[in-house]
């Protein structure tokens, strides 16, 4: 007999997989995101993002050159994924 916690654990893994798949699909489809990850992707940048998320988000928005995809595709998908979680 399966316990409630094992079902929650499996569901959590499914949710993480869905969110990860959506995030990776956007990153793989958009060349500017791929290039940005390769050029600026580092653990130090991730730590900096958590130290000052508001200003880092503003900085990232200035770099963005495709607001339609972000505002009408990527963000709704990511919010949907977080809602599933």
PDB file of N, CA and C in Angstrom:
ATOM      1  N   UNK A   1       0.833  -1.184   0.000  1.00  0.00           N
ATOM      2  CA  UNK A   1       0.000   0.000   0.000  1.00  0.00           C
ATOM      3  C   UNK A   1       0.879   1.251   0.000  1.00  0.00           C
ATOM      4  N   UNK A   2       0.601   2.152  -0.910  1.00  0.00           N
ATOM      5  CA  UNK A   2       1.386   3.375  -1.011  1.00  0.00           C
ATOM      6  C   UNK A   2       0.894   4.387   0.011  1.00  0.00           C
ATOM      7  N   UNK A   3       1.848   5.099   0.556  1.00  0.00           N
ATOM      8  CA  UNK A   3       1.488   6.124   1.522  1.00  0.00           C
ATOM      9  C   UNK A   3       1.243   7.440   0.812  1.00  0.00           C
ATOM     10  N   UNK A   4       0.634   8.343   1.537  1.00  0.00           N
ATOM     11  CA  UNK A   4       0.335   9.654   0.983  1.00  0.00           C
ATOM     12  C   UNK A   4       1.617  10.416   0.654  1.00  0.00           C
ATOM     13  N   UNK A   5       2.646  10.268   1.490  1.00  0.00           N
ATOM     14  CA  UNK A   5       3.890  11.001   1.248  1.00  0.00           C
ATOM     15  C   UNK A   5       4.610  10.502  -0.001  1.00  0.00           C
ATOM     16  N   UNK A   6       4.517   9.210  -0.315  1.00  0.00           N
ATOM     17  CA  UNK A   6       5.173   8.718  -1.529  1.00  0.00           C
ATOM     18  C   UNK A   6       4.449   9.227  -2.774  1.00  0.00           C
ATOM     19  N   UNK A   7       3.123   9.376  -2.693  1.00  0.00           N
ATOM     20  CA  UNK A   7       2.381   9.950  -3.816  1.00  0.00           C
ATOM     21  C   UNK A   7       2.747  11.414  -4.010  1.00  0.00           C
ATOM     22  N   UNK A   8       2.890  12.145  -2.890  1.00  0.00           N
ATOM     23  CA  UNK A   8       3.276  13.554  -2.977  1.00  0.00           C
ATOM     24  C   UNK A   8       4.674  13.687  -3.548  1.00  0.00           C
ATOM     25  N   UNK A   9       5.571  12.777  -3.159  1.00  0.00           N
ATOM     26  CA  UNK A   9       6.929  12.813  -3.673  1.00  0.00           C
ATOM     27  C   UNK A   9       6.969  12.570  -5.166  1.00  0.00           C
ATOM     28  N   UNK A  10       6.177  11.606  -5.640  1.00  0.00           N
ATOM     29  CA  UNK A  10       6.128  11.343  -7.077  1.00  0.00           C
ATOM     30  C   UNK A  10       5.505  12.513  -7.823  1.00  0.00           C
ATOM     31  N   UNK A  11       4.478  13.102  -7.250  1.00  0.00           N
ATOM     32  CA  UNK A  11       3.824  14.245  -7.889  1.00  0.00           C
ATOM     33  C   UNK A  11       4.781  15.430  -7.959  1.00  0.00           C
ATOM     34  N   UNK A  12       5.582  15.610  -6.916  1.00  0.00           N
ATOM     35  CA  UNK A  12       6.556  16.691  -6.910  1.00  0.00           C
ATOM     36  C   UNK A  12       7.564  16.495  -8.033  1.00  0.00           C
ATOM     37  N   UNK A  13       8.016  15.275  -8.236  1.00  0.00           N
ATOM     38  CA  UNK A  13       8.961  14.999  -9.322  1.00  0.00           C
ATOM     39  C   UNK A  13       8.336  15.259 -10.688  1.00  0.00           C
ATOM     40  N   UNK A  14       7.070  14.918 -10.837  1.00  0.00           N
ATOM     41  CA  UNK A  14       6.367  15.199 -12.092  1.00  0.00           C
ATOM     42  C   UNK A  14       6.276  16.709 -12.310  1.00  0.00           C
ATOM     43  N   UNK A  15       5.930  17.437 -11.265  1.00  0.00           N
ATOM     44  CA  UNK A  15       5.817  18.893 -11.374  1.00  0.00           C
ATOM     45  C   UNK A  15       7.160  19.526 -11.725  1.00  0.00           C
ATOM     46  N   UNK A  16       8.210  19.078 -11.068  1.00  0.00           N
ATOM     47  CA  UNK A  16       9.544  19.608 -11.361  1.00  0.00           C
ATOM     48  C   UNK A  16       9.923  19.299 -12.803  1.00  0.00           C
ATOM     49  N   UNK A  17       9.583  18.118 -13.263  1.00  0.00           N
ATOM     50  CA  UNK A  17       9.892  17.732 -14.644  1.00  0.00           C
ATOM     51  C   UNK A  17       9.141  18.611 -15.639  1.00  0.00           C
ATOM     52  N   UNK A  18       7.888  18.892 -15.374  1.00  0.00           N
ATOM     53  CA  UNK A  18       7.094  19.736 -16.274  1.00  0.00           C
ATOM     54  C   UNK A  18       7.675  21.142 -16.341  1.00  0.00           C
ATOM     55  N   UNK A  19       7.964  21.722 -15.188  1.00  0.00           N
ATOM     56  CA  UNK A  19       8.523  23.074 -15.150  1.00  0.00           C
ATOM     57  C   UNK A  19       9.879  23.098 -15.838  1.00  0.00           C
ATOM     58  N   UNK A  20      10.704  22.096 -15.574  1.00  0.00           N
ATOM     59  CA  UNK A  20      12.016  22.024 -16.209  1.00  0.00           C
ATOM     60  C   UNK A  20      11.919  21.883 -17.719  1.00  0.00           C
ATOM     61  N   UNK A  21      10.976  21.068 -18.176  1.00  0.00           N
ATOM     62  CA  UNK A  21      10.805  20.866 -19.620  1.00  0.00           C
ATOM     63  C   UNK A  21      10.343  22.153 -20.296  1.00  0.00           C
ATOM     64  N   UNK A  22       9.426  22.867 -19.677  1.00  0.00           N
ATOM     65  CA  UNK A  22       8.964  24.127 -20.263  1.00  0.00           C
ATOM     66  C   UNK A  22      10.088  25.145 -20.312  1.00  0.00           C
ATOM     67  N   UNK A  23      10.850  25.246 -19.248  1.00  0.00           N
ATOM     68  CA  UNK A  23      11.950  26.193 -19.202  1.00  0.00           C
ATOM     69  C   UNK A  23      13.011  25.859 -20.239  1.00  0.00           C
ATOM     70  N   UNK A  24      13.370  24.583 -20.317  1.00  0.00           N
ATOM     71  CA  UNK A  24      14.392  24.168 -21.274  1.00  0.00           C
ATOM     72  C   UNK A  24      13.925  24.339 -22.713  1.00  0.00           C
ATOM     73  N   UNK A  25      12.643  24.093 -22.979  1.00  0.00           N
ATOM     74  CA  UNK A  25      12.166  24.243 -24.353  1.00  0.00           C
ATOM     75  C   UNK A  25      12.264  25.692 -24.807  1.00  0.00           C
ATOM     76  N   UNK A  26      11.931  26.628 -23.932  1.00  0.00           N
ATOM     77  CA  UNK A  26      12.064  28.045 -24.298  1.00  0.00           C
ATOM     78  C   UNK A  26      13.541  28.386 -24.496  1.00  0.00           C
ATOM     79  N   UNK A  27      14.393  27.910 -23.594  1.00  0.00           N
ATOM     80  CA  UNK A  27      15.828  28.210 -23.698  1.00  0.00           C
ATOM     81  C   UNK A  27      16.437  27.615 -24.964  1.00  0.00           C
ATOM     82  N   UNK A  28      15.998  26.426 -25.339  1.00  0.00           N
ATOM     83  CA  UNK A  28      16.548  25.798 -26.537  1.00  0.00           C
ATOM     84  C   UNK A  28      16.037  26.433 -27.820  1.00  0.00           C
ATOM     85  N   UNK A  29      14.819  26.931 -27.801  1.00  0.00           N
ATOM     86  CA  UNK A  29      14.237  27.513 -29.011  1.00  0.00           C
ATOM     87  C   UNK A  29      14.722  28.933 -29.288  1.00  0.00           C
ATOM     88  N   UNK A  30      15.084  29.643 -28.266  1.00  0.00           N
ATOM     89  CA  UNK A  30      15.476  31.050 -28.430  1.00  0.00           C
ATOM     90  C   UNK A  30      16.992  31.181 -28.436  1.00  0.00           C
ATOM     91  N   UNK A  31      17.538  31.578 -29.558  1.00  0.00           N
ATOM     92  CA  UNK A  31      19.000  31.655 -29.687  1.00  0.00           C
ATOM     93  C   UNK A  31      19.605  32.693 -28.748  1.00  0.00           C
ATOM     94  N   UNK A  32      18.907  33.820 -28.517  1.00  0.00           N
ATOM     95  CA  UNK A  32      19.479  34.841 -27.633  1.00  0.00           C
ATOM     96  C   UNK A  32      19.558  34.354 -26.189  1.00  0.00           C
ATOM     97  N   UNK A  33      18.616  33.501 -25.785  1.00  0.00           N
ATOM     98  CA  UNK A  33      18.675  32.936 -24.431  1.00  0.00           C
ATOM     99  C   UNK A  33      19.835  31.947 -24.342  1.00  0.00           C
ATOM    100  N   UNK A  34      19.981  31.095 -25.358  1.00  0.00           N
ATOM    101  CA  UNK A  34      21.106  30.147 -25.370  1.00  0.00           C
ATOM    102  C   UNK A  34      22.437  30.885 -25.299  1.00  0.00           C
ATOM    103  N   UNK A  35      22.576  31.923 -26.103  1.00  0.00           N
ATOM    104  CA  UNK A  35      23.825  32.689 -26.115  1.00  0.00           C
ATOM    105  C   UNK A  35      24.066  33.365 -24.777  1.00  0.00           C
ATOM    106  N   UNK A  36      23.012  33.897 -24.183  1.00  0.00           N
ATOM    107  CA  UNK A  36      23.145  34.538 -22.876  1.00  0.00           C
ATOM    108  C   UNK A  36      23.582  33.557 -21.793  1.00  0.00           C
ATOM    109  N   UNK A  37      23.034  32.358 -21.837  1.00  0.00           N
ATOM    110  CA  UNK A  37      23.420  31.340 -20.860  1.00  0.00           C
ATOM    111  C   UNK A  37      24.881  30.965 -21.051  1.00  0.00           C
ATOM    112  N   UNK A  38      25.292  30.779 -22.284  1.00  0.00           N
ATOM    113  CA  UNK A  38      26.683  30.394 -22.551  1.00  0.00           C
ATOM    114  C   UNK A  38      27.665  31.514 -22.209  1.00  0.00           C
ATOM    115  N   UNK A  39      27.281  32.772 -22.471  1.00  0.00           N
ATOM    116  CA  UNK A  39      28.178  33.895 -22.213  1.00  0.00           C
ATOM    117  C   UNK A  39      28.212  34.312 -20.747  1.00  0.00           C
ATOM    118  N   UNK A  40      27.033  34.354 -20.097  1.00  0.00           N
ATOM    119  CA  UNK A  40      26.957  34.918 -18.752  1.00  0.00           C
ATOM    120  C   UNK A  40      26.543  33.921 -17.684  1.00  0.00           C
ATOM    121  N   UNK A  41      26.319  32.673 -18.070  1.00  0.00           N
ATOM    122  CA  UNK A  41      25.860  31.685 -17.110  1.00  0.00           C
ATOM    123  C   UNK A  41      26.969  31.229 -16.180  1.00  0.00           C
ATOM    124  N   UNK A  42      26.809  31.507 -14.900  1.00  0.00           N
ATOM    125  CA  UNK A  42      27.773  31.046 -13.910  1.00  0.00           C
ATOM    126  C   UNK A  42      27.103  31.018 -12.539  1.00  0.00           C
ATOM    127  N   UNK A  43      27.682  30.285 -11.634  1.00  0.00           N
ATOM    128  CA  UNK A  43      27.145  30.220 -10.276  1.00  0.00           C
ATOM    129  C   UNK A  43      27.197  31.591  -9.612  1.00  0.00           C
ATOM    130  N   UNK A  44      28.250  32.352  -9.900  1.00  0.00           N
ATOM    131  CA  UNK A  44      28.361  33.701  -9.329  1.00  0.00           C
ATOM    132  C   UNK A  44      27.197  34.590  -9.775  1.00  0.00           C
ATOM    133  N   UNK A  45      26.802  34.497 -11.040  1.00  0.00           N
ATOM    134  CA  UNK A  45      25.668  35.294 -11.523  1.00  0.00           C
ATOM    135  C   UNK A  45      24.364  34.863 -10.861  1.00  0.00           C
ATOM    136  N   UNK A  46      24.204  33.581 -10.635  1.00  0.00           N
ATOM    137  CA  UNK A  46      23.004  33.089  -9.962  1.00  0.00           C
ATOM    138  C   UNK A  46      22.932  33.648  -8.543  1.00  0.00           C
ATOM    139  N   UNK A  47      24.064  33.622  -7.851  1.00  0.00           N
ATOM    140  CA  UNK A  47      24.118  34.163  -6.486  1.00  0.00           C
ATOM    141  C   UNK A  47      23.802  35.649  -6.501  1.00  0.00           C
ATOM    142  N   UNK A  48      24.355  36.380  -7.464  1.00  0.00           N
ATOM    143  CA  UNK A  48      24.068  37.815  -7.589  1.00  0.00           C
ATOM    144  C   UNK A  48      22.583  38.061  -7.840  1.00  0.00           C
ATOM    145  N   UNK A  49      21.945  37.211  -8.644  1.00  0.00           N
ATOM    146  CA  UNK A  49      20.508  37.362  -8.911  1.00  0.00           C
ATOM    147  C   UNK A  49      19.695  37.233  -7.640  1.00  0.00           C
ATOM    148  N   UNK A  50      20.086  36.331  -6.751  1.00  0.00           N
ATOM    149  CA  UNK A  50      19.359  36.164  -5.494  1.00  0.00           C
ATOM    150  C   UNK A  50      19.653  37.287  -4.501  1.00  0.00           C
ATOM    151  N   UNK A  51      20.811  37.911  -4.616  1.00  0.00           N
ATOM    152  CA  UNK A  51      21.145  39.014  -3.713  1.00  0.00           C
ATOM    153  C   UNK A  51      20.349  40.272  -4.045  1.00  0.00           C
ATOM    154  N   UNK A  52      20.106  40.500  -5.319  1.00  0.00           N
ATOM    155  CA  UNK A  52      19.414  41.718  -5.755  1.00  0.00           C
ATOM    156  C   UNK A  52      18.450  41.402  -6.900  1.00  0.00           C
ATOM    157  N   UNK A  53      17.379  40.663  -6.616  1.00  0.00           N
ATOM    158  CA  UNK A  53      16.506  40.192  -7.696  1.00  0.00           C
ATOM    159  C   UNK A  53      15.806  41.314  -8.458  1.00  0.00           C
ATOM    160  N   UNK A  54      15.405  42.370  -7.784  1.00  0.00           N
ATOM    161  CA  UNK A  54      14.665  43.439  -8.453  1.00  0.00           C
ATOM    162  C   UNK A  54      15.533  44.116  -9.524  1.00  0.00           C
ATOM    163  N   UNK A  55      16.725  44.545  -9.136  1.00  0.00           N
ATOM    164  CA  UNK A  55      17.595  45.222 -10.102  1.00  0.00           C
ATOM    165  C   UNK A  55      18.091  44.277 -11.180  1.00  0.00           C
ATOM    166  N   UNK A  56      18.304  43.023 -10.853  1.00  0.00           N
ATOM    167  CA  UNK A  56      18.732  42.058 -11.864  1.00  0.00           C
ATOM    168  C   UNK A  56      17.617  41.810 -12.883  1.00  0.00           C
ATOM    169  N   UNK A  57      16.367  41.812 -12.423  1.00  0.00           N
ATOM    170  CA  UNK A  57      15.237  41.653 -13.348  1.00  0.00           C
ATOM    171  C   UNK A  57      15.144  42.869 -14.278  1.00  0.00           C
ATOM    172  N   UNK A  58      15.346  44.062 -13.723  1.00  0.00           N
ATOM    173  CA  UNK A  58      15.344  45.271 -14.561  1.00  0.00           C
ATOM    174  C   UNK A  58      16.463  45.217 -15.591  1.00  0.00           C
ATOM    175  N   UNK A  59      17.630  44.769 -15.164  1.00  0.00           N
ATOM    176  CA  UNK A  59      18.768  44.659 -16.077  1.00  0.00           C
ATOM    177  C   UNK A  59      18.471  43.651 -17.190  1.00  0.00           C
ATOM    178  N   UNK A  60      17.862  42.526 -16.830  1.00  0.00           N
ATOM    179  CA  UNK A  60      17.510  41.516 -17.823  1.00  0.00           C
ATOM    180  C   UNK A  60      16.458  42.008 -18.793  1.00  0.00           C
ATOM    181  N   UNK A  61      15.520  42.816 -18.316  1.00  0.00           N
ATOM    182  CA  UNK A  61      14.482  43.353 -19.193  1.00  0.00           C
ATOM    183  C   UNK A  61      15.077  44.299 -20.226  1.00  0.00           C
ATOM    184  N   UNK A  62      16.127  45.016 -19.854  1.00  0.00           N
ATOM    185  CA  UNK A  62      16.782  45.913 -20.826  1.00  0.00           C
ATOM    186  C   UNK A  62      17.471  45.119 -21.927  1.00  0.00           C
ATOM    187  N   UNK A  63      17.953  43.927 -21.601  1.00  0.00           N
ATOM    188  CA  UNK A  63      18.642  43.089 -22.584  1.00  0.00           C
ATOM    189  C   UNK A  63      17.642  42.428 -23.533  1.00  0.00           C
ATOM    190  N   UNK A  64      16.424  42.191 -23.051  1.00  0.00           N
ATOM    191  CA  UNK A  64      15.400  41.488 -23.823  1.00  0.00           C
ATOM    192  C   UNK A  64      15.104  42.198 -25.133  1.00  0.00           C
ATOM    193  N   UNK A  65      15.062  41.414 -26.216  1.00  0.00           N
ATOM    194  CA  UNK A  65      14.752  42.004 -27.514  1.00  0.00           C
ATOM    195  C   UNK A  65      13.526  41.366 -28.170  1.00  0.00           C
ATOM    196  N   UNK A  66      12.834  40.500 -27.467  1.00  0.00           N
ATOM    197  CA  UNK A  66      11.651  39.844 -28.029  1.00  0.00           C
ATOM    198  C   UNK A  66      10.549  39.810 -26.962  1.00  0.00           C
ATOM    199  N   UNK A  67       9.935  40.937 -26.725  1.00  0.00           N
ATOM    200  CA  UNK A  67       8.965  41.028 -25.634  1.00  0.00           C
ATOM    201  C   UNK A  67       7.704  40.210 -25.899  1.00  0.00           C
ATOM    202  N   UNK A  68       7.346  39.980 -27.166  1.00  0.00           N
ATOM    203  CA  UNK A  68       6.149  39.180 -27.436  1.00  0.00           C
ATOM    204  C   UNK A  68       6.305  37.766 -26.889  1.00  0.00           C
ATOM    205  N   UNK A  69       7.418  37.109 -27.229  1.00  0.00           N
ATOM    206  CA  UNK A  69       7.640  35.738 -26.763  1.00  0.00           C
ATOM    207  C   UNK A  69       7.666  35.701 -25.242  1.00  0.00           C
ATOM    208  N   UNK A  70       8.369  36.640 -24.624  1.00  0.00           N
ATOM    209  CA  UNK A  70       8.450  36.635 -23.162  1.00  0.00           C
ATOM    210  C   UNK A  70       7.100  36.889 -22.511  1.00  0.00           C
ATOM    211  N   UNK A  71       6.420  37.928 -22.950  1.00  0.00           N
ATOM    212  CA  UNK A  71       5.184  38.332 -22.281  1.00  0.00           C
ATOM    213  C   UNK A  71       3.988  37.447 -22.597  1.00  0.00           C
ATOM    214  N   UNK A  72       3.945  36.860 -23.794  1.00  0.00           N
ATOM    215  CA  UNK A  72       2.761  36.110 -24.183  1.00  0.00           C
ATOM    216  C   UNK A  72       2.977  34.612 -24.323  1.00  0.00           C
ATOM    217  N   UNK A  73       4.230  34.154 -24.202  1.00  0.00           N
ATOM    218  CA  UNK A  73       4.499  32.720 -24.300  1.00  0.00           C
ATOM    219  C   UNK A  73       5.275  32.226 -23.084  1.00  0.00           C
ATOM    220  N   UNK A  74       6.488  32.728 -22.899  1.00  0.00           N
ATOM    221  CA  UNK A  74       7.369  32.192 -21.856  1.00  0.00           C
ATOM    222  C   UNK A  74       6.833  32.437 -20.445  1.00  0.00           C
ATOM    223  N   UNK A  75       6.450  33.662 -20.137  1.00  0.00           N
ATOM    224  CA  UNK A  75       5.955  33.934 -18.790  1.00  0.00           C
ATOM    225  C   UNK A  75       4.649  33.200 -18.491  1.00  0.00           C
ATOM    226  N   UNK A  76       3.670  33.203 -19.384  1.00  0.00           N
ATOM    227  CA  UNK A  76       2.464  32.415 -19.079  1.00  0.00           C
ATOM    228  C   UNK A  76       2.761  30.931 -18.871  1.00  0.00           C
ATOM    229  N   UNK A  77       3.683  30.377 -19.665  1.00  0.00           N
ATOM    230  CA  UNK A  77       4.037  28.967 -19.460  1.00  0.00           C
ATOM    231  C   UNK A  77       4.697  28.748 -18.112  1.00  0.00           C
ATOM    232  N   UNK A  78       5.598  29.640 -17.743  1.00  0.00           N
ATOM    233  CA  UNK A  78       6.272  29.454 -16.460  1.00  0.00           C
ATOM    234  C   UNK A  78       5.299  29.646 -15.304  1.00  0.00           C
ATOM    235  N   UNK A  79       4.382  30.610 -15.415  1.00  0.00           N
ATOM    236  CA  UNK A  79       3.399  30.802 -14.351  1.00  0.00           C
ATOM    237  C   UNK A  79       2.452  29.608 -14.257  1.00  0.00           C
ATOM    238  N   UNK A  80       2.112  29.033 -15.406  1.00  0.00           N
ATOM    239  CA  UNK A  80       1.284  27.834 -15.415  1.00  0.00           C
ATOM    240  C   UNK A  80       2.025  26.693 -14.707  1.00  0.00           C
ATOM    241  N   UNK A  81       3.303  26.563 -15.005  1.00  0.00           N
ATOM    242  CA  UNK A  81       4.092  25.522 -14.347  1.00  0.00           C
ATOM    243  C   UNK A  81       4.157  25.712 -12.850  1.00  0.00           C
ATOM    244  N   UNK A  82       4.337  26.957 -12.416  1.00  0.00           N
ATOM    245  CA  UNK A  82       4.354  27.210 -10.978  1.00  0.00           C
ATOM    246  C   UNK A  82       2.986  26.953 -10.369  1.00  0.00           C
ATOM    247  N   UNK A  83       1.934  27.254 -11.127  1.00  0.00           N
ATOM    248  CA  UNK A  83       0.580  26.963 -10.636  1.00  0.00           C
ATOM    249  C   UNK A  83       0.333  25.482 -10.468  1.00  0.00           C
ATOM    250  N   UNK A  84       0.876  24.682 -11.386  1.00  0.00           N
ATOM    251  CA  UNK A  84       0.757  23.236 -11.259  1.00  0.00           C
ATOM    252  C   UNK A  84       1.452  22.740  -9.991  1.00  0.00           C
ATOM    253  N   UNK A  85       2.572  23.368  -9.696  1.00  0.00           N
ATOM    254  CA  UNK A  85       3.325  22.961  -8.515  1.00  0.00           C
ATOM    255  C   UNK A  85       2.554  23.310  -7.263  1.00  0.00           C
TER     256      UNK A  85
END
